[in-house]
Protein backbone atom coordinates (compact mmCIF):
# COMPACT_ATOMS: atom_id res chain seq x y z
CA MET A 1 145.18 -178.28 54.77
CA PRO A 2 142.62 -175.97 56.60
CA SER A 3 138.94 -176.63 55.68
CA LEU A 4 137.04 -174.11 53.78
CA SER A 5 134.89 -171.74 55.76
CA PRO A 6 131.08 -172.51 55.22
CA ALA A 7 130.54 -168.75 54.72
CA VAL A 8 133.23 -168.50 51.97
CA ALA A 9 131.84 -171.72 50.30
CA GLU A 10 128.19 -170.36 50.36
CA ILE A 11 129.30 -166.99 48.72
CA ARG A 12 131.41 -168.84 46.13
CA ARG A 13 128.50 -171.10 45.26
CA ALA A 14 126.16 -168.11 44.80
CA VAL A 15 128.71 -166.38 42.58
CA ARG A 16 129.42 -169.41 40.54
CA ALA A 17 125.78 -169.92 39.79
CA ALA A 18 125.33 -166.28 38.77
CA LEU A 19 128.38 -166.25 36.44
CA GLN A 20 127.86 -169.68 34.84
CA PRO A 21 125.61 -168.36 32.01
CA PHE A 22 128.53 -165.97 31.09
CA ALA A 23 131.34 -168.50 30.89
CA GLY A 24 133.85 -167.31 28.36
CA SER A 25 132.10 -163.98 27.70
CA GLY A 26 134.92 -161.59 28.41
CA THR A 27 134.85 -159.38 31.56
CA VAL A 28 132.67 -158.92 34.60
CA VAL A 29 132.85 -155.80 36.86
CA VAL A 30 132.20 -155.84 40.59
CA ALA A 31 131.01 -152.82 42.26
CA LEU A 32 133.28 -152.42 45.24
CA SER A 33 132.51 -150.03 48.07
CA GLY A 34 134.83 -151.60 50.54
CA GLY A 35 132.02 -152.78 52.88
CA ALA A 36 131.68 -156.36 53.91
CA ASP A 37 129.20 -157.42 51.25
CA SER A 38 131.21 -156.05 48.31
CA LEU A 39 134.46 -157.34 49.67
CA ALA A 40 133.11 -160.80 50.02
CA LEU A 41 131.61 -160.57 46.58
CA VAL A 42 134.80 -159.37 44.94
CA ALA A 43 136.82 -162.09 46.72
CA ALA A 44 134.48 -164.92 45.57
CA THR A 45 134.36 -163.50 42.03
CA ALA A 46 138.09 -163.28 41.88
CA PHE A 47 138.30 -167.03 42.77
CA GLU A 48 135.36 -168.24 40.61
CA ALA A 49 135.48 -166.19 37.42
CA PRO A 50 138.84 -167.37 36.04
CA LYS A 51 137.72 -170.94 36.19
CA LEU A 52 134.84 -169.86 33.85
CA GLY A 53 137.21 -168.01 31.42
CA LEU A 54 136.02 -164.63 32.83
CA THR A 55 138.32 -161.63 33.57
CA VAL A 56 137.33 -159.54 36.63
CA ARG A 57 137.66 -155.83 37.29
CA SER A 58 136.51 -153.89 40.39
CA VAL A 59 135.23 -150.30 40.26
CA THR A 60 135.04 -148.23 43.43
CA VAL A 61 133.01 -145.04 43.23
CA ASP A 62 134.24 -142.11 45.47
CA HIS A 63 131.23 -139.93 46.13
CA GLY A 64 133.24 -137.30 47.96
CA LEU A 65 130.59 -137.00 50.68
CA GLN A 66 132.72 -137.99 53.81
CA ASP A 67 136.07 -136.86 55.13
CA GLY A 68 138.56 -139.47 53.94
CA SER A 69 136.41 -140.82 51.05
CA ALA A 70 139.29 -140.82 48.65
CA GLU A 71 141.45 -142.79 51.10
CA THR A 72 138.74 -145.28 51.70
CA ALA A 73 138.22 -145.83 47.97
CA ALA A 74 141.91 -146.25 47.48
CA ASP A 75 141.97 -148.93 50.40
CA ALA A 76 139.19 -150.80 48.68
CA ALA A 77 140.98 -150.81 45.41
CA ARG A 78 144.03 -151.90 47.06
CA ALA A 79 142.16 -154.89 48.51
CA ALA A 80 140.94 -155.89 45.16
CA ALA A 81 144.34 -155.67 43.58
CA ALA A 82 145.66 -157.86 46.31
CA LEU A 83 143.14 -160.47 45.03
CA GLY A 84 144.83 -160.26 41.64
CA ILE A 85 142.30 -158.13 39.83
CA ASP A 86 142.31 -154.88 38.01
CA ALA A 87 140.86 -152.14 40.27
CA THR A 88 139.70 -148.65 39.44
CA VAL A 89 138.46 -145.73 41.44
CA VAL A 90 136.01 -143.26 39.90
CA ALA A 91 135.29 -139.97 41.61
CA VAL A 92 131.80 -138.43 40.98
CA THR A 93 130.04 -135.24 41.83
CA VAL A 94 126.77 -135.88 43.78
CA ASP A 95 123.89 -133.52 42.92
CA GLY A 96 120.41 -133.76 41.65
CA PRO A 97 116.86 -134.21 43.00
CA GLY A 98 115.68 -136.60 45.61
CA GLY A 99 117.99 -135.73 48.43
CA PRO A 100 121.63 -136.73 48.89
CA GLU A 101 121.01 -140.46 49.26
CA ALA A 102 119.05 -140.76 46.09
CA ALA A 103 121.60 -138.35 44.23
CA ALA A 104 124.51 -140.49 45.36
CA ARG A 105 122.77 -143.65 44.24
CA ASP A 106 122.06 -142.10 40.81
CA ALA A 107 125.74 -140.83 40.44
CA ARG A 108 127.06 -144.15 41.47
CA TYR A 109 125.02 -146.17 38.97
CA ARG A 110 125.89 -143.75 36.18
CA ALA A 111 129.60 -144.13 37.03
CA LEU A 112 129.33 -147.84 37.11
CA ALA A 113 127.49 -148.12 33.94
CA GLN A 114 130.02 -145.88 32.16
CA ALA A 115 132.89 -147.91 33.46
CA ALA A 116 131.37 -151.21 32.70
CA GLN A 117 130.74 -150.55 28.93
CA GLY A 118 131.67 -153.70 27.03
CA ALA A 119 131.45 -155.98 30.15
CA ALA A 120 129.21 -158.93 30.35
CA ALA A 121 127.65 -157.85 33.57
CA VAL A 122 128.11 -155.68 36.72
CA LEU A 123 127.95 -157.53 40.09
CA LEU A 124 126.39 -155.82 42.99
CA GLY A 125 126.73 -156.90 46.63
CA HIS A 126 123.19 -156.61 47.93
CA THR A 127 122.20 -159.30 50.43
CA LEU A 128 119.09 -160.92 51.54
CA ASP A 129 118.94 -158.47 54.40
CA ASP A 130 119.02 -155.57 51.95
CA GLN A 131 116.11 -157.15 50.05
CA ALA A 132 114.04 -157.57 53.32
CA GLU A 133 114.65 -153.92 54.08
CA THR A 134 113.55 -152.80 50.73
CA VAL A 135 110.34 -154.80 51.00
CA LEU A 136 109.57 -153.24 54.42
CA LEU A 137 110.27 -149.65 53.18
CA GLY A 138 107.94 -150.32 50.19
CA LEU A 139 105.18 -151.56 52.50
CA ALA A 140 105.64 -148.37 54.64
CA ARG A 141 105.13 -146.21 51.48
CA GLY A 142 102.14 -148.16 50.37
CA SER A 143 103.84 -149.33 47.19
CA GLY A 144 102.26 -151.60 44.68
CA ALA A 145 103.28 -155.21 43.95
CA ALA A 146 105.91 -154.15 41.35
CA SER A 147 107.77 -152.06 43.88
CA LEU A 148 107.45 -154.71 46.63
CA ALA A 149 109.18 -157.16 44.25
CA ALA A 150 112.22 -155.22 45.19
CA MET A 151 115.62 -155.99 43.74
CA ALA A 152 115.95 -158.59 40.91
CA PRO A 153 118.81 -161.11 40.85
CA ALA A 154 119.45 -159.95 37.22
CA ARG A 155 118.15 -156.88 35.44
CA ARG A 156 119.29 -155.20 32.11
CA ASP A 157 119.14 -151.47 32.06
CA GLU A 158 117.38 -150.52 28.77
CA ALA A 159 119.00 -147.16 28.68
CA THR A 160 122.47 -148.29 29.04
CA GLY A 161 122.49 -151.84 28.06
CA VAL A 162 124.27 -152.83 31.29
CA LEU A 163 123.24 -156.10 33.00
CA TRP A 164 123.13 -155.71 36.74
CA LEU A 165 123.69 -159.04 38.66
CA ARG A 166 123.02 -159.44 42.40
CA PRO A 167 124.51 -162.91 43.23
CA LEU A 168 124.03 -162.53 47.11
CA LEU A 169 120.37 -161.93 47.34
CA ALA A 170 119.87 -165.23 49.15
CA VAL A 171 122.93 -164.67 51.41
CA ARG A 172 122.52 -163.26 54.89
CA ARG A 173 124.61 -160.16 55.93
CA GLU A 174 126.13 -162.08 58.89
CA THR A 175 127.44 -164.67 56.09
CA VAL A 176 129.23 -162.00 54.23
CA ARG A 177 130.84 -160.71 57.38
CA ALA A 178 131.98 -164.19 58.43
CA ALA A 179 133.48 -164.76 55.00
CA CYS A 180 135.47 -161.54 55.23
CA GLU A 181 136.83 -162.75 58.63
CA ALA A 182 137.75 -166.01 57.27
CA ILE A 183 139.56 -164.67 54.35
CA GLY A 184 141.25 -162.01 56.46
CA LEU A 185 139.60 -158.97 54.79
CA THR A 186 138.87 -155.93 56.84
CA PRO A 187 135.64 -154.31 55.69
CA TRP A 188 135.17 -150.49 55.77
CA GLN A 189 132.44 -149.49 58.26
CA ASP A 190 130.33 -146.81 56.53
CA PRO A 191 129.19 -144.46 59.29
CA HIS A 192 125.91 -143.86 57.15
CA ASN A 193 125.09 -147.43 57.88
CA SER A 194 124.46 -146.59 61.62
CA ASP A 195 122.87 -143.14 61.14
CA THR A 196 119.37 -143.37 62.21
CA ARG A 197 118.42 -140.34 60.22
CA PHE A 198 118.08 -142.67 57.37
CA ALA A 199 114.87 -144.71 57.14
CA ARG A 200 116.77 -147.89 55.89
CA VAL A 201 118.96 -147.65 59.03
CA ARG A 202 116.02 -147.47 61.19
CA VAL A 203 114.46 -150.45 59.56
CA ARG A 204 117.83 -152.35 59.90
CA GLU A 205 118.61 -151.41 63.39
CA ARG A 206 115.07 -151.26 65.08
CA VAL A 207 112.17 -152.52 62.87
CA LEU A 208 113.58 -155.90 61.60
CA PRO A 209 115.00 -156.89 65.06
CA MET A 210 111.77 -156.09 66.72
CA LEU A 211 109.77 -158.11 64.15
CA GLU A 212 112.27 -161.08 64.76
CA ALA A 213 111.86 -160.62 68.51
CA GLU A 214 107.96 -160.59 68.47
CA LEU A 215 107.27 -162.91 65.63
CA GLY A 216 110.23 -165.27 65.80
CA PRO A 217 113.14 -165.83 63.50
CA GLY A 218 112.92 -166.00 59.73
CA VAL A 219 111.17 -162.63 59.11
CA ALA A 220 113.88 -161.40 56.67
CA GLU A 221 113.73 -164.62 54.67
CA ALA A 222 109.93 -164.45 54.54
CA LEU A 223 110.13 -160.94 53.28
CA ALA A 224 112.74 -162.04 50.63
CA ARG A 225 110.46 -164.90 49.54
CA THR A 226 107.51 -162.35 49.22
CA ALA A 227 109.66 -160.18 46.99
CA GLU A 228 110.52 -163.16 44.82
CA GLN A 229 106.86 -164.34 44.47
CA LEU A 230 105.78 -160.74 43.69
CA ARG A 231 108.54 -160.34 41.10
CA GLU A 232 107.26 -163.67 39.34
CA ASP A 233 103.78 -162.03 39.32
CA ALA A 234 105.08 -158.76 38.05
CA GLU A 235 106.95 -160.58 35.22
CA ALA A 236 103.79 -162.54 34.25
CA PHE A 237 101.69 -159.36 34.13
CA ALA A 238 104.44 -157.59 32.10
CA GLU A 239 104.28 -160.50 29.46
CA MET A 240 100.56 -160.28 29.36
CA ILE A 241 100.65 -156.56 28.78
CA ASP A 242 103.21 -156.91 26.02
CA GLU A 243 101.05 -159.54 24.30
CA THR A 244 97.76 -157.44 24.64
CA ILE A 245 98.88 -153.85 24.27
CA GLU A 246 99.31 -153.79 20.43
CA ASP A 247 95.69 -154.82 19.94
CA ILE A 248 94.11 -152.32 22.34
CA VAL A 249 95.98 -149.05 21.62
CA GLN A 250 95.80 -146.67 18.73
CA PRO A 251 97.24 -143.31 18.06
CA ALA A 252 95.25 -140.26 19.06
CA GLU A 253 95.77 -136.61 18.42
CA ALA A 254 98.83 -135.55 20.61
CA GLY A 255 98.74 -138.86 22.50
CA ILE A 256 97.44 -142.30 22.60
CA ALA A 257 93.98 -144.07 23.02
CA VAL A 258 92.95 -147.31 24.55
CA SER A 259 89.84 -149.38 23.80
CA VAL A 260 87.27 -149.07 26.58
CA ALA A 261 85.76 -152.58 25.69
CA ALA A 262 89.29 -154.05 26.04
CA LEU A 263 90.08 -152.52 29.36
CA ALA A 264 86.64 -153.56 30.67
CA ALA A 265 87.24 -157.12 29.55
CA ASN A 266 90.29 -157.43 31.79
CA PRO A 267 90.50 -157.93 35.55
CA PRO A 268 91.25 -154.82 37.51
CA ALA A 269 94.88 -155.86 38.27
CA LEU A 270 95.63 -156.08 34.47
CA ARG A 271 93.42 -153.10 33.62
CA HIS A 272 95.33 -150.83 36.13
CA ARG A 273 98.62 -152.01 34.94
CA ILE A 274 97.83 -151.36 31.34
CA ILE A 275 96.69 -147.89 32.25
CA ARG A 276 99.93 -147.20 34.09
CA HIS A 277 102.06 -148.76 31.27
CA VAL A 278 100.40 -146.65 28.56
CA VAL A 279 100.91 -143.42 30.49
CA ALA A 280 104.56 -144.31 31.44
CA SER A 281 105.54 -145.38 27.96
CA GLU A 282 103.76 -142.39 26.22
CA PHE A 283 104.54 -139.50 28.57
CA GLY A 284 107.34 -140.79 30.88
CA VAL A 285 105.34 -140.33 34.04
CA SER A 286 104.08 -142.72 36.76
CA LEU A 287 100.54 -142.55 38.00
CA THR A 288 99.64 -143.04 41.66
CA ARG A 289 97.17 -145.63 42.65
CA THR A 290 94.55 -142.91 43.18
CA GLN A 291 95.14 -141.43 39.82
CA THR A 292 95.02 -144.81 38.19
CA LEU A 293 91.62 -145.56 39.81
CA GLU A 294 90.26 -142.37 38.66
CA VAL A 295 91.19 -143.10 34.98
CA ALA A 296 89.67 -146.66 35.46
CA ARG A 297 86.37 -145.22 36.51
CA LEU A 298 86.28 -143.89 32.90
CA VAL A 299 85.99 -147.46 32.02
CA THR A 300 83.96 -149.02 34.90
CA ASP A 301 81.94 -146.25 36.32
CA TRP A 302 81.28 -143.74 33.55
CA SER A 303 78.48 -141.33 33.76
CA GLY A 304 79.62 -138.65 31.42
CA GLN A 305 82.22 -137.20 33.79
CA GLY A 306 84.75 -134.90 32.21
CA PRO A 307 88.48 -135.16 31.56
CA ILE A 308 90.88 -136.10 34.32
CA ASP A 309 94.15 -134.04 34.60
CA LEU A 310 97.16 -136.16 35.24
CA PRO A 311 100.90 -135.41 35.56
CA GLY A 312 101.95 -134.38 32.03
CA CYS A 313 98.79 -135.51 30.29
CA ARG A 314 94.96 -135.71 30.39
CA ALA A 315 92.58 -138.59 30.18
CA ARG A 316 89.15 -138.51 28.83
CA ARG A 317 86.51 -140.97 27.34
CA ARG A 318 85.28 -140.45 23.87
CA ASP A 319 83.86 -142.77 21.16
CA GLY A 320 84.65 -146.07 23.11
CA LEU A 321 88.14 -145.09 23.80
CA VAL A 322 90.05 -143.61 26.71
CA GLU A 323 92.24 -140.94 25.29
CA PHE A 324 95.41 -139.67 26.87
CA THR A 325 96.63 -136.36 25.37
CA ALA A 326 99.90 -134.59 26.11
CA GLY A 327 100.58 -131.39 27.93
CA PRO A 328 101.02 -130.22 31.63
CA ALA A 329 97.71 -130.38 33.46
CA ASP A 330 97.80 -126.64 34.35
CA THR A 331 97.69 -125.68 30.60
CA TYR A 332 94.18 -127.01 30.29
CA THR A 333 91.23 -124.76 30.48
């Protein structure tokens, strides 16, 4: 009897660990593009899930953005069916803000969420390399720690209730390719993955190899560890904010107010997060770091300066409070 490929064994272990908490919980869905990562994931899930009393389905989203996309999606579904699982193809229309890449991602996640209603979780094939690329892109944008925490192994979408699982975040891309070869699966090669018009492709093809060449091996792993550590920090801050926020906020006319004394008593990192959290929760907008620091000056460096216009709201200091009131900035006089 031939020995099990180390690559296949590594991916099965990762999937088994991710699925263990859901043993006997019904159905899990695998998002299947037909690429090496999702093919290796669906094969491992098809092997491990039944042993845990779970049913597996795959969903392939056809974005319709490339010639032959319907055939590619059908091929992916046939590969999943050959592994003994139910396979579905969902066609979507890609439109919306943020460019085609962002619009395609939004359409894909909406389709997956709808197809996965009632499932215990949706499994996504992101690898350690994807995580490292995400961290580098965040660094290039000057993102904060929460953004650099990148992708979480498990995240529940509050809007849809869907639990997204990423079992392969500790697995290298070369491992999923080796697993596909060992199993005899032929991945689809997405031409977008080699199109250097996309920043992520440039990071993958140029930046990470250059860093490995100049700094030595292990850069991708180090970036992934950084994301994990920052995610732990972000989760700790989120818990602190949840414990604190009820005691320091109060309703204000057309908005919400936060105690100046309470904000001043907190260290800057927590103060800034509270400000961003309050604005995001109340008005549904995200503040930049510059905007956050300007609001914080109402607490730490106030000399009577007037209100600050922000996206969708205005901040001002009055009677020991920082008040956030609703309305587009350009409506104020």
